[in-house]
Amino acid sequence: IHCAYLRGRALLLLQRLQEAEAELSSVIKLSLDDVVPKHATFVVPHAYVDLADIRMQQKSFSEAKQLLKKAASSTKYHFEKPLRRRIAGLEDKLKEQ
């Protein structure tokens, strides 16, 4: 699951949005199938935020907002503070739309 997330994140940074979406969606699917090991659960909210970023670039603002809410509802995971800042930044961008 770490590899899928990291591939998705790298593809997002390269602006290869369709490929990034596929990788990040696979992370979400694994979490919904409940096959994510406890030590890897932190990648799930990060994947939601990256998918929200993709939706914002595609001008699908309502979907982006829903994804950010899902990410924000996650608690007690590694790297929570940086992710909270990133969520706040994307929410600010959404307010500008």
Protein backbone atom coordinates (compact mmCIF):
# COMPACT_ATOMS: atom_id res chain seq x y z
CA ILE A 1 0.00 0.00 0.00
CA HIS A 2 2.94 2.33 0.67
CA CYS A 3 4.23 1.76 -2.86
CA ALA A 4 0.84 2.49 -4.44
CA TYR A 5 0.57 5.71 -2.45
CA LEU A 6 4.10 6.83 -3.30
CA ARG A 7 3.58 6.06 -7.01
CA GLY A 8 0.33 8.02 -6.95
CA ARG A 9 1.95 10.96 -5.20
CA ALA A 10 4.87 11.00 -7.64
CA LEU A 11 2.54 10.82 -10.62
CA LEU A 12 0.49 13.69 -9.18
CA LEU A 13 3.61 15.82 -8.87
CA LEU A 14 4.43 14.96 -12.50
CA GLN A 15 0.89 16.08 -13.48
CA ARG A 16 0.04 12.61 -14.78
CA LEU A 17 -3.38 12.89 -13.21
CA GLN A 18 -5.12 9.81 -14.63
CA GLU A 19 -2.32 7.51 -13.58
CA ALA A 20 -2.07 9.18 -10.18
CA GLU A 21 -5.80 8.80 -9.68
CA ALA A 22 -5.63 5.08 -10.44
CA GLU A 23 -2.84 4.50 -7.90
CA LEU A 24 -4.44 6.62 -5.19
CA SER A 25 -7.83 5.03 -5.77
CA SER A 26 -6.24 1.61 -5.26
CA VAL A 27 -5.07 2.78 -1.82
CA ILE A 28 -8.64 3.83 -0.96
CA LYS A 29 -10.02 0.54 -2.28
CA LEU A 30 -7.61 -1.45 -0.13
CA SER A 31 -8.69 0.55 2.92
CA LEU A 32 -12.35 -0.08 2.15
CA ASP A 33 -11.60 -3.79 1.74
CA ASP A 34 -10.02 -3.60 5.21
CA VAL A 35 -6.69 -5.02 4.11
CA VAL A 36 -4.50 -2.12 5.20
CA PRO A 37 -2.04 -3.09 7.95
CA LYS A 38 -2.32 -0.96 11.09
CA HIS A 39 1.13 0.59 10.56
CA ALA A 40 0.09 1.78 7.08
CA THR A 41 -3.23 3.44 7.87
CA PHE A 42 -1.67 6.91 7.67
CA VAL A 43 -1.49 6.68 3.87
CA VAL A 44 -5.28 6.54 3.54
CA PRO A 45 -6.08 10.15 4.56
CA HIS A 46 -3.09 11.31 2.53
CA ALA A 47 -4.52 9.50 -0.50
CA TYR A 48 -7.88 11.23 0.03
CA VAL A 49 -6.14 14.62 0.06
CA ASP A 50 -4.17 13.84 -3.09
CA LEU A 51 -7.37 12.71 -4.82
CA ALA A 52 -9.00 15.98 -3.71
CA ASP A 53 -6.08 17.85 -5.26
CA ILE A 54 -6.66 16.01 -8.53
CA ARG A 55 -10.39 16.81 -8.42
CA MET A 56 -9.61 20.48 -7.86
CA GLN A 57 -7.33 20.53 -10.88
CA GLN A 58 -10.18 18.93 -12.86
CA LYS A 59 -12.58 21.62 -11.56
CA SER A 60 -14.70 19.00 -9.71
CA PHE A 61 -14.92 21.13 -6.61
CA SER A 62 -17.82 19.35 -4.87
CA GLU A 63 -16.01 16.01 -5.15
CA ALA A 64 -12.83 17.62 -3.84
CA LYS A 65 -14.71 18.96 -0.84
CA GLN A 66 -16.14 15.50 -0.05
CA LEU A 67 -12.69 13.92 -0.28
CA LEU A 68 -11.23 16.53 2.05
CA LYS A 69 -13.99 15.83 4.57
CA LYS A 70 -13.12 12.13 4.47
CA ALA A 71 -9.46 12.92 5.03
CA ALA A 72 -10.25 15.30 7.88
CA SER A 73 -12.41 12.69 9.60
CA SER A 74 -9.40 10.40 10.05
CA THR A 75 -7.60 10.71 13.36
CA LYS A 76 -4.56 9.41 15.20
CA TYR A 77 -2.18 8.61 12.38
CA HIS A 78 1.41 9.47 11.52
CA PHE A 79 2.09 12.88 9.99
CA GLU A 80 -1.29 14.23 11.08
CA LYS A 81 -0.23 17.86 11.61
CA PRO A 82 1.31 18.36 8.14
CA LEU A 83 -1.74 16.78 6.57
CA ARG A 84 -4.09 19.04 8.55
CA ARG A 85 -2.18 22.05 7.20
CA ARG A 86 -2.47 20.70 3.67
CA ILE A 87 -6.22 20.11 4.10
CA ALA A 88 -6.65 23.68 5.37
CA GLY A 89 -4.72 25.04 2.39
CA LEU A 90 -6.85 23.14 -0.11
CA GLU A 91 -10.03 24.18 1.70
CA ASP A 92 -8.91 27.80 1.38
CA LYS A 93 -8.44 27.31 -2.35
CA LEU A 94 -11.92 25.80 -2.56
CA LYS A 95 -13.40 28.89 -0.90
CA GLU A 96 -11.86 30.99 -3.67
CA GLN A 97 -13.77 29.03 -6.32
